[in-house]
Amino acid sequence: MTTAQRKEIFGRCKSLGMSDDDRRALICGLTGKESTKELTDKETESVIGELRKRCGSVPSVPIPPEKRNPKAYKPAVPGMMTTEQQSLAWRYIYRLRELDEKPRLHDDGTPVTPGERMAGAIYKVCGITTKSGENIFKWVSFKDGEKLIEKLKQYVNTAEKKAKRSESSENR
């Protein structure tokens, strides 16, 4: 069974609202086998054919990214921070949060959110005022994104070294 066939089986079962048990029961009813891993090519085609009938469609057509999850899909804007850069920046922010010895708090005692922390880093590194929210990187250029990532990487490295030092001093 190819990866595409496996994805089609699981995707069609999901679109039909089938649970894992329902999927296994369908496969067992059609082939006598309990798992997709045990299926032969002919059995795989039979399962896919049955699922296509139940879905009321013929062979699946790839769904474009913007229709898969429209809230998550953001087309790239030339010259601006890429989605890969944004993802890496968020990973560094969340890593910093893990490494914090004590939670960062506002004056009123509420915790600082990762979005607020990212907005602060963008302001400090790039001089761009932004709000934590759905499009925090709207005004961050590709070059500024590179600078932001490098600075966040430095923050993480420093925090990791500090954590190692405090661990070694506790073990003494």
N, C-alpha and C. Protein backbone atom coordinates (compact mmCIF):
# COMPACT_ATOMS: atom_id res chain seq x y z
N MET A 1 0.84 -1.17 0.00
CA MET A 1 0.00 0.00 0.00
C MET A 1 0.89 1.24 0.00
N THR A 2 0.54 2.18 -0.86
CA THR A 2 1.32 3.41 -0.93
C THR A 2 0.86 4.38 0.16
N THR A 3 1.68 5.38 0.39
CA THR A 3 1.32 6.41 1.37
C THR A 3 0.06 7.13 0.93
N ALA A 4 -0.05 7.40 -0.36
CA ALA A 4 -1.23 8.11 -0.89
C ALA A 4 -2.50 7.28 -0.64
N GLN A 5 -2.40 5.96 -0.84
CA GLN A 5 -3.56 5.10 -0.62
C GLN A 5 -3.95 5.08 0.86
N ARG A 6 -2.95 5.00 1.73
CA ARG A 6 -3.21 5.01 3.18
C ARG A 6 -3.88 6.33 3.57
N LYS A 7 -3.36 7.44 3.05
CA LYS A 7 -3.95 8.75 3.36
C LYS A 7 -5.38 8.83 2.85
N GLU A 8 -5.63 8.27 1.66
CA GLU A 8 -6.98 8.31 1.12
C GLU A 8 -7.94 7.52 2.00
N ILE A 9 -7.53 6.34 2.44
CA ILE A 9 -8.38 5.52 3.30
C ILE A 9 -8.71 6.26 4.59
N PHE A 10 -7.69 6.76 5.27
CA PHE A 10 -7.92 7.43 6.54
C PHE A 10 -8.69 8.74 6.35
N GLY A 11 -8.38 9.47 5.28
CA GLY A 11 -9.07 10.73 5.00
C GLY A 11 -10.54 10.53 4.70
N ARG A 12 -10.85 9.53 3.87
CA ARG A 12 -12.25 9.26 3.53
C ARG A 12 -13.02 8.75 4.75
N CYS A 13 -12.38 7.92 5.57
CA CYS A 13 -13.03 7.46 6.79
C CYS A 13 -13.35 8.64 7.71
N LYS A 14 -12.42 9.56 7.80
CA LYS A 14 -12.62 10.74 8.63
C LYS A 14 -13.77 11.59 8.09
N SER A 15 -13.79 11.78 6.75
CA SER A 15 -14.85 12.60 6.16
C SER A 15 -16.22 11.95 6.33
N LEU A 16 -16.26 10.63 6.46
CA LEU A 16 -17.52 9.94 6.70
C LEU A 16 -17.88 9.90 8.18
N GLY A 17 -16.98 10.39 9.03
CA GLY A 17 -17.22 10.42 10.47
C GLY A 17 -17.02 9.06 11.13
N MET A 18 -16.22 8.21 10.50
CA MET A 18 -15.98 6.87 11.04
C MET A 18 -14.93 6.91 12.14
N SER A 19 -15.18 6.14 13.19
CA SER A 19 -14.18 6.00 14.26
C SER A 19 -13.14 4.97 13.81
N ASP A 20 -12.09 4.80 14.61
CA ASP A 20 -11.08 3.78 14.31
C ASP A 20 -11.71 2.39 14.26
N ASP A 21 -12.62 2.14 15.20
CA ASP A 21 -13.29 0.84 15.23
C ASP A 21 -14.15 0.63 13.99
N ASP A 22 -14.85 1.70 13.56
CA ASP A 22 -15.67 1.60 12.34
C ASP A 22 -14.79 1.27 11.13
N ARG A 23 -13.63 1.95 11.07
CA ARG A 23 -12.71 1.72 9.95
C ARG A 23 -12.23 0.26 9.95
N ARG A 24 -11.84 -0.22 11.11
CA ARG A 24 -11.36 -1.60 11.21
C ARG A 24 -12.46 -2.60 10.84
N ALA A 25 -13.69 -2.29 11.27
CA ALA A 25 -14.82 -3.18 10.96
C ALA A 25 -15.07 -3.21 9.45
N LEU A 26 -14.98 -2.07 8.80
CA LEU A 26 -15.16 -2.01 7.34
C LEU A 26 -14.09 -2.85 6.64
N ILE A 27 -12.83 -2.65 7.04
CA ILE A 27 -11.72 -3.38 6.42
C ILE A 27 -11.88 -4.88 6.67
N CYS A 28 -12.24 -5.24 7.89
CA CYS A 28 -12.42 -6.66 8.22
C CYS A 28 -13.59 -7.25 7.42
N GLY A 29 -14.67 -6.51 7.28
CA GLY A 29 -15.84 -6.98 6.54
C GLY A 29 -15.54 -7.20 5.06
N LEU A 30 -14.69 -6.34 4.50
CA LEU A 30 -14.38 -6.45 3.07
C LEU A 30 -13.27 -7.45 2.78
N THR A 31 -12.29 -7.55 3.69
CA THR A 31 -11.10 -8.33 3.38
C THR A 31 -10.82 -9.46 4.36
N GLY A 32 -11.43 -9.42 5.54
CA GLY A 32 -11.14 -10.42 6.55
C GLY A 32 -9.89 -10.08 7.36
N LYS A 33 -9.29 -8.95 7.08
CA LYS A 33 -8.07 -8.53 7.79
C LYS A 33 -8.42 -7.35 8.69
N GLU A 34 -7.65 -7.19 9.77
CA GLU A 34 -7.97 -6.18 10.77
C GLU A 34 -7.22 -4.86 10.58
N SER A 35 -6.15 -4.87 9.84
CA SER A 35 -5.30 -3.67 9.74
C SER A 35 -5.01 -3.34 8.29
N THR A 36 -4.81 -2.05 8.03
CA THR A 36 -4.44 -1.64 6.67
C THR A 36 -3.05 -2.16 6.30
N LYS A 37 -2.22 -2.42 7.31
CA LYS A 37 -0.87 -2.91 7.05
C LYS A 37 -0.86 -4.30 6.44
N GLU A 38 -1.92 -5.06 6.67
CA GLU A 38 -1.99 -6.44 6.18
C GLU A 38 -2.56 -6.55 4.78
N LEU A 39 -3.09 -5.45 4.23
CA LEU A 39 -3.81 -5.51 2.95
C LEU A 39 -2.89 -5.71 1.75
N THR A 40 -3.37 -6.50 0.80
CA THR A 40 -2.68 -6.64 -0.49
C THR A 40 -3.10 -5.46 -1.35
N ASP A 41 -2.47 -5.31 -2.52
CA ASP A 41 -2.83 -4.22 -3.42
C ASP A 41 -4.30 -4.32 -3.86
N LYS A 42 -4.75 -5.54 -4.17
CA LYS A 42 -6.13 -5.74 -4.61
C LYS A 42 -7.12 -5.40 -3.49
N GLU A 43 -6.80 -5.82 -2.28
CA GLU A 43 -7.67 -5.53 -1.14
C GLU A 43 -7.70 -4.03 -0.84
N THR A 44 -6.56 -3.39 -0.98
CA THR A 44 -6.49 -1.94 -0.77
C THR A 44 -7.42 -1.23 -1.74
N GLU A 45 -7.36 -1.62 -3.01
CA GLU A 45 -8.23 -1.01 -4.02
C GLU A 45 -9.70 -1.26 -3.71
N SER A 46 -10.01 -2.44 -3.18
CA SER A 46 -11.39 -2.76 -2.85
C SER A 46 -11.90 -1.87 -1.71
N VAL A 47 -11.07 -1.66 -0.69
CA VAL A 47 -11.44 -0.79 0.43
C VAL A 47 -11.62 0.64 -0.06
N ILE A 48 -10.68 1.12 -0.87
CA ILE A 48 -10.77 2.49 -1.39
C ILE A 48 -12.02 2.64 -2.26
N GLY A 49 -12.30 1.63 -3.09
CA GLY A 49 -13.50 1.68 -3.93
C GLY A 49 -14.78 1.79 -3.11
N GLU A 50 -14.85 1.01 -2.04
CA GLU A 50 -16.03 1.06 -1.16
C GLU A 50 -16.16 2.43 -0.50
N LEU A 51 -15.03 2.97 -0.03
CA LEU A 51 -15.07 4.29 0.60
C LEU A 51 -15.46 5.37 -0.39
N ARG A 52 -15.00 5.25 -1.63
CA ARG A 52 -15.37 6.22 -2.66
C ARG A 52 -16.87 6.17 -2.93
N LYS A 53 -17.43 4.96 -2.96
CA LYS A 53 -18.87 4.82 -3.16
C LYS A 53 -19.63 5.49 -2.02
N ARG A 54 -19.17 5.23 -0.79
CA ARG A 54 -19.85 5.80 0.38
C ARG A 54 -19.73 7.31 0.43
N CYS A 55 -18.62 7.82 -0.07
CA CYS A 55 -18.44 9.28 -0.10
C CYS A 55 -19.19 9.90 -1.27
N GLY A 56 -19.56 9.06 -2.24
CA GLY A 56 -20.27 9.56 -3.40
C GLY A 56 -19.36 10.31 -4.35
N SER A 57 -18.11 9.85 -4.45
CA SER A 57 -17.19 10.52 -5.37
C SER A 57 -16.26 9.52 -6.01
N VAL A 58 -15.66 9.95 -7.05
CA VAL A 58 -14.66 9.17 -7.77
C VAL A 58 -13.29 9.49 -7.21
N PRO A 59 -12.19 9.05 -7.82
CA PRO A 59 -10.86 9.26 -7.24
C PRO A 59 -10.67 10.66 -6.67
N SER A 60 -9.98 10.68 -5.53
CA SER A 60 -9.82 11.95 -4.83
C SER A 60 -8.92 12.90 -5.61
N VAL A 61 -9.26 14.17 -5.50
CA VAL A 61 -8.48 15.23 -6.11
C VAL A 61 -7.81 15.97 -4.97
N PRO A 62 -6.51 16.23 -5.08
CA PRO A 62 -5.83 16.94 -3.98
C PRO A 62 -6.53 18.26 -3.65
N ILE A 63 -6.70 18.52 -2.37
CA ILE A 63 -7.34 19.75 -1.92
C ILE A 63 -6.25 20.81 -1.78
N PRO A 64 -6.45 21.98 -2.38
CA PRO A 64 -5.42 23.03 -2.26
C PRO A 64 -5.28 23.48 -0.81
N PRO A 65 -4.07 23.91 -0.41
CA PRO A 65 -3.80 24.26 0.99
C PRO A 65 -4.77 25.28 1.56
N GLU A 66 -5.19 26.26 0.78
CA GLU A 66 -6.06 27.31 1.31
C GLU A 66 -7.46 26.79 1.67
N LYS A 67 -7.85 25.61 1.13
CA LYS A 67 -9.16 25.05 1.46
C LYS A 67 -9.06 24.01 2.57
N ARG A 68 -7.86 23.46 2.81
CA ARG A 68 -7.68 22.46 3.87
C ARG A 68 -7.97 23.06 5.22
N ASN A 69 -7.33 24.17 5.51
CA ASN A 69 -7.53 24.86 6.78
C ASN A 69 -7.35 26.34 6.50
N PRO A 70 -8.43 27.00 6.04
CA PRO A 70 -8.29 28.39 5.61
C PRO A 70 -7.78 29.34 6.68
N LYS A 71 -8.02 29.02 7.96
CA LYS A 71 -7.53 29.91 9.02
C LYS A 71 -6.02 29.84 9.15
N ALA A 72 -5.44 28.67 8.88
CA ALA A 72 -4.00 28.49 9.04
C ALA A 72 -3.23 28.88 7.78
N TYR A 73 -3.89 28.85 6.63
CA TYR A 73 -3.19 29.12 5.38
C TYR A 73 -3.03 30.62 5.17
N LYS A 74 -1.81 31.04 5.02
CA LYS A 74 -1.52 32.43 4.72
C LYS A 74 -0.56 32.45 3.55
N PRO A 75 -1.00 32.94 2.41
CA PRO A 75 -0.08 32.96 1.27
C PRO A 75 1.12 33.85 1.57
N ALA A 76 2.27 33.47 1.02
CA ALA A 76 3.50 34.23 1.25
C ALA A 76 3.39 35.60 0.61
N VAL A 77 3.88 36.60 1.32
CA VAL A 77 3.92 37.96 0.79
C VAL A 77 5.37 38.24 0.43
N PRO A 78 5.63 38.53 -0.85
CA PRO A 78 7.02 38.76 -1.27
C PRO A 78 7.70 39.85 -0.43
N GLY A 79 8.92 39.55 0.01
CA GLY A 79 9.71 40.52 0.77
C GLY A 79 9.43 40.54 2.25
N MET A 80 8.40 39.81 2.67
CA MET A 80 8.04 39.79 4.09
C MET A 80 8.49 38.46 4.73
N MET A 81 8.37 38.37 6.02
CA MET A 81 8.79 37.19 6.76
C MET A 81 8.04 35.96 6.25
N THR A 82 8.77 34.88 5.96
CA THR A 82 8.15 33.67 5.44
C THR A 82 7.48 32.88 6.56
N THR A 83 6.61 31.94 6.18
CA THR A 83 5.95 31.11 7.18
C THR A 83 6.97 30.24 7.92
N GLU A 84 8.03 29.83 7.23
CA GLU A 84 9.07 29.04 7.88
C GLU A 84 9.79 29.88 8.95
N GLN A 85 10.07 31.13 8.62
CA GLN A 85 10.71 32.02 9.60
C GLN A 85 9.78 32.23 10.80
N GLN A 86 8.51 32.45 10.52
CA GLN A 86 7.54 32.67 11.60
C GLN A 86 7.48 31.45 12.51
N SER A 87 7.44 30.28 11.91
CA SER A 87 7.38 29.04 12.69
C SER A 87 8.60 28.90 13.59
N LEU A 88 9.77 29.19 13.03
CA LEU A 88 11.01 29.09 13.81
C LEU A 88 11.02 30.11 14.95
N ALA A 89 10.56 31.32 14.68
CA ALA A 89 10.51 32.35 15.72
C ALA A 89 9.59 31.90 16.86
N TRP A 90 8.44 31.32 16.53
CA TRP A 90 7.53 30.84 17.56
C TRP A 90 8.17 29.71 18.37
N ARG A 91 8.89 28.82 17.69
CA ARG A 91 9.55 27.74 18.43
C ARG A 91 10.52 28.29 19.46
N TYR A 92 11.27 29.33 19.06
CA TYR A 92 12.22 29.93 20.00
C TYR A 92 11.49 30.60 21.17
N ILE A 93 10.37 31.28 20.90
CA ILE A 93 9.61 31.93 21.98
C ILE A 93 9.11 30.88 22.97
N TYR A 94 8.57 29.78 22.45
CA TYR A 94 8.06 28.74 23.36
C TYR A 94 9.20 28.03 24.09
N ARG A 95 10.36 27.91 23.45
CA ARG A 95 11.52 27.32 24.14
C ARG A 95 11.96 28.23 25.28
N LEU A 96 11.95 29.55 25.04
CA LEU A 96 12.30 30.49 26.10
C LEU A 96 11.32 30.36 27.28
N ARG A 97 10.06 30.17 26.95
CA ARG A 97 9.05 30.01 27.99
C ARG A 97 9.34 28.77 28.84
N GLU A 98 9.77 27.67 28.19
CA GLU A 98 10.13 26.45 28.92
C GLU A 98 11.31 26.68 29.85
N LEU A 99 12.26 27.49 29.39
CA LEU A 99 13.50 27.69 30.14
C LEU A 99 13.37 28.73 31.26
N ASP A 100 12.27 29.49 31.29
CA ASP A 100 12.09 30.49 32.34
C ASP A 100 12.08 29.82 33.70
N GLU A 101 12.89 30.36 34.61
CA GLU A 101 12.93 29.80 35.97
C GLU A 101 11.64 30.13 36.72
N LYS A 102 11.13 31.31 36.49
CA LYS A 102 9.84 31.71 37.08
C LYS A 102 9.03 32.36 35.97
N PRO A 103 7.71 32.23 36.02
CA PRO A 103 6.89 32.79 34.95
C PRO A 103 6.97 34.31 34.90
N ARG A 104 6.95 34.82 33.69
CA ARG A 104 6.96 36.28 33.53
C ARG A 104 5.55 36.80 33.75
N LEU A 105 5.44 37.85 34.55
CA LEU A 105 4.12 38.37 34.91
C LEU A 105 4.02 39.87 34.63
N HIS A 106 2.79 40.30 34.34
CA HIS A 106 2.50 41.73 34.24
C HIS A 106 2.45 42.30 35.65
N ASP A 107 2.35 43.63 35.75
CA ASP A 107 2.28 44.27 37.05
C ASP A 107 1.08 43.80 37.88
N ASP A 108 -0.02 43.45 37.18
CA ASP A 108 -1.22 43.00 37.89
C ASP A 108 -1.19 41.52 38.24
N GLY A 109 -0.09 40.82 37.91
CA GLY A 109 0.06 39.41 38.27
C GLY A 109 -0.37 38.42 37.21
N THR A 110 -0.93 38.91 36.11
CA THR A 110 -1.32 37.98 35.03
C THR A 110 -0.09 37.60 34.23
N PRO A 111 -0.05 36.35 33.73
CA PRO A 111 1.14 35.92 32.99
C PRO A 111 1.26 36.60 31.61
N VAL A 112 2.50 36.82 31.20
CA VAL A 112 2.78 37.37 29.88
C VAL A 112 2.58 36.24 28.87
N THR A 113 1.78 36.50 27.84
CA THR A 113 1.51 35.46 26.84
C THR A 113 2.68 35.37 25.86
N PRO A 114 2.81 34.24 25.18
CA PRO A 114 3.85 34.13 24.15
C PRO A 114 3.70 35.19 23.06
N GLY A 115 2.46 35.55 22.72
CA GLY A 115 2.23 36.58 21.71
C GLY A 115 2.76 37.93 22.16
N GLU A 116 2.54 38.26 23.43
CA GLU A 116 3.05 39.52 23.96
C GLU A 116 4.58 39.51 23.98
N ARG A 117 5.12 38.35 24.31
CA ARG A 117 6.58 38.23 24.34
C ARG A 117 7.16 38.39 22.93
N MET A 118 6.47 37.80 21.93
CA MET A 118 6.92 37.94 20.54
C MET A 118 6.82 39.40 20.10
N ALA A 119 5.72 40.07 20.46
CA ALA A 119 5.56 41.48 20.10
C ALA A 119 6.69 42.32 20.71
N GLY A 120 7.06 42.00 21.95
CA GLY A 120 8.16 42.71 22.60
C GLY A 120 9.49 42.46 21.91
N ALA A 121 9.71 41.22 21.50
CA ALA A 121 10.96 40.89 20.80
C ALA A 121 11.01 41.60 19.44
N ILE A 122 9.89 41.64 18.74
CA ILE A 122 9.84 42.32 17.44
C ILE A 122 10.16 43.80 17.63
N TYR A 123 9.59 44.39 18.67
CA TYR A 123 9.85 45.80 18.92
C TYR A 123 11.31 46.04 19.28
N LYS A 124 11.85 45.20 20.16
CA LYS A 124 13.23 45.38 20.62
C LYS A 124 14.24 45.18 19.50
N VAL A 125 14.03 44.14 18.67
CA VAL A 125 15.01 43.79 17.64
C VAL A 125 14.82 44.62 16.37
N CYS A 126 13.56 44.80 15.96
CA CYS A 126 13.29 45.43 14.66
C CYS A 126 12.78 46.86 14.78
N GLY A 127 12.34 47.28 15.97
CA GLY A 127 11.79 48.61 16.15
C GLY A 127 10.39 48.74 15.58
N ILE A 128 9.70 47.62 15.39
CA ILE A 128 8.36 47.63 14.80
C ILE A 128 7.35 47.40 15.93
N THR A 129 6.40 48.31 16.05
CA THR A 129 5.36 48.16 17.06
C THR A 129 4.25 47.30 16.48
N THR A 130 3.93 46.22 17.18
CA THR A 130 2.89 45.31 16.74
C THR A 130 2.14 44.80 17.95
N LYS A 131 0.97 44.23 17.72
CA LYS A 131 0.18 43.68 18.82
C LYS A 131 0.18 42.18 18.72
N SER A 132 0.07 41.54 19.88
CA SER A 132 -0.08 40.09 19.85
C SER A 132 -1.47 39.82 19.31
N GLY A 133 -1.54 38.95 18.33
CA GLY A 133 -2.82 38.66 17.70
C GLY A 133 -2.60 37.80 16.49
N GLU A 134 -3.59 37.78 15.61
CA GLU A 134 -3.52 36.84 14.51
C GLU A 134 -2.46 37.16 13.47
N ASN A 135 -2.09 38.42 13.26
CA ASN A 135 -1.11 38.72 12.23
C ASN A 135 0.03 39.56 12.80
N ILE A 136 0.72 38.99 13.76
CA ILE A 136 1.77 39.70 14.49
C ILE A 136 2.97 40.05 13.59
N PHE A 137 3.20 39.26 12.54
CA PHE A 137 4.36 39.47 11.67
C PHE A 137 4.03 40.31 10.43
N LYS A 138 2.88 40.94 10.41
CA LYS A 138 2.40 41.65 9.22
C LYS A 138 3.41 42.65 8.66
N TRP A 139 4.11 43.36 9.52
CA TRP A 139 5.03 44.40 9.07
C TRP A 139 6.49 44.00 9.15
N VAL A 140 6.77 42.75 9.42
CA VAL A 140 8.15 42.29 9.57
C VAL A 140 8.67 41.79 8.23
N SER A 141 9.72 42.44 7.73
CA SER A 141 10.30 42.06 6.43
C SER A 141 11.14 40.79 6.58
N PHE A 142 11.52 40.23 5.46
CA PHE A 142 12.36 39.04 5.44
C PHE A 142 13.66 39.28 6.20
N LYS A 143 14.31 40.42 5.93
CA LYS A 143 15.59 40.75 6.59
C LYS A 143 15.39 40.94 8.09
N ASP A 144 14.32 41.65 8.47
CA ASP A 144 14.03 41.82 9.90
C ASP A 144 13.74 40.48 10.55
N GLY A 145 13.09 39.59 9.80
CA GLY A 145 12.81 38.25 10.30
C GLY A 145 14.09 37.49 10.59
N GLU A 146 15.08 37.64 9.71
CA GLU A 146 16.38 37.00 9.95
C GLU A 146 17.02 37.53 11.22
N LYS A 147 16.97 38.87 11.41
CA LYS A 147 17.54 39.47 12.61
C LYS A 147 16.81 38.99 13.86
N LEU A 148 15.48 38.93 13.78
CA LEU A 148 14.67 38.49 14.91
C LEU A 148 15.03 37.06 15.30
N ILE A 149 15.14 36.18 14.32
CA ILE A 149 15.46 34.78 14.58
C ILE A 149 16.84 34.65 15.22
N GLU A 150 17.81 35.37 14.70
CA GLU A 150 19.16 35.31 15.27
C GLU A 150 19.17 35.78 16.72
N LYS A 151 18.43 36.85 17.01
CA LYS A 151 18.39 37.36 18.38
C LYS A 151 17.67 36.38 19.30
N LEU A 152 16.56 35.79 18.83
CA LEU A 152 15.85 34.81 19.64
C LEU A 152 16.73 33.58 19.90
N LYS A 153 17.51 33.20 18.88
CA LYS A 153 18.42 32.06 19.04
C LYS A 153 19.46 32.38 20.12
N GLN A 154 19.96 33.61 20.14
CA GLN A 154 20.91 34.01 21.17
C GLN A 154 20.26 33.96 22.55
N TYR A 155 19.02 34.44 22.65
CA TYR A 155 18.30 34.41 23.93
C TYR A 155 18.16 32.97 24.42
N VAL A 156 17.80 32.06 23.51
CA VAL A 156 17.62 30.65 23.89
C VAL A 156 18.95 30.05 24.34
N ASN A 157 20.02 30.31 23.59
CA ASN A 157 21.34 29.78 23.96
C ASN A 157 21.76 30.27 25.34
N THR A 158 21.55 31.54 25.60
CA THR A 158 21.91 32.11 26.89
C THR A 158 21.08 31.47 28.01
N ALA A 159 19.77 31.32 27.76
CA ALA A 159 18.89 30.72 28.77
C ALA A 159 19.25 29.26 29.02
N GLU A 160 19.63 28.53 27.96
CA GLU A 160 20.03 27.13 28.13
C GLU A 160 21.32 27.03 28.95
N LYS A 161 22.29 27.92 28.68
CA LYS A 161 23.53 27.91 29.45
C LYS A 161 23.26 28.23 30.92
N LYS A 162 22.37 29.19 31.15
CA LYS A 162 22.02 29.57 32.51
C LYS A 162 21.35 28.40 33.23
N ALA A 163 20.47 27.69 32.53
CA ALA A 163 19.79 26.53 33.12
C ALA A 163 20.78 25.43 33.46
N LYS A 164 21.76 25.20 32.58
CA LYS A 164 22.78 24.18 32.85
C LYS A 164 23.62 24.56 34.07
N ARG A 165 23.97 25.84 34.17
CA ARG A 165 24.75 26.30 35.31
C ARG A 165 23.99 26.11 36.61
N SER A 166 22.69 26.44 36.59
CA SER A 166 21.91 26.30 37.82
C SER A 166 21.71 24.82 38.18
N GLU A 167 21.60 23.94 37.16
CA GLU A 167 21.50 22.50 37.42
C GLU A 167 22.77 21.97 38.06
N SER A 168 23.91 22.39 37.51
CA SER A 168 25.19 21.88 38.04
C SER A 168 25.44 22.40 39.45
N SER A 169 25.01 23.61 39.74
CA SER A 169 25.21 24.14 41.09
C SER A 169 24.29 23.46 42.09
N GLU A 170 23.10 23.00 41.65
CA GLU A 170 22.18 22.29 42.53
C GLU A 170 22.69 20.89 42.82
N ASN A 171 23.39 20.28 41.87
CA ASN A 171 23.90 18.92 42.04
C ASN A 171 25.12 18.84 42.94
N ARG A 172 25.71 19.95 43.28
CA ARG A 172 26.90 19.94 44.11
C ARG A 172 26.59 19.74 45.54
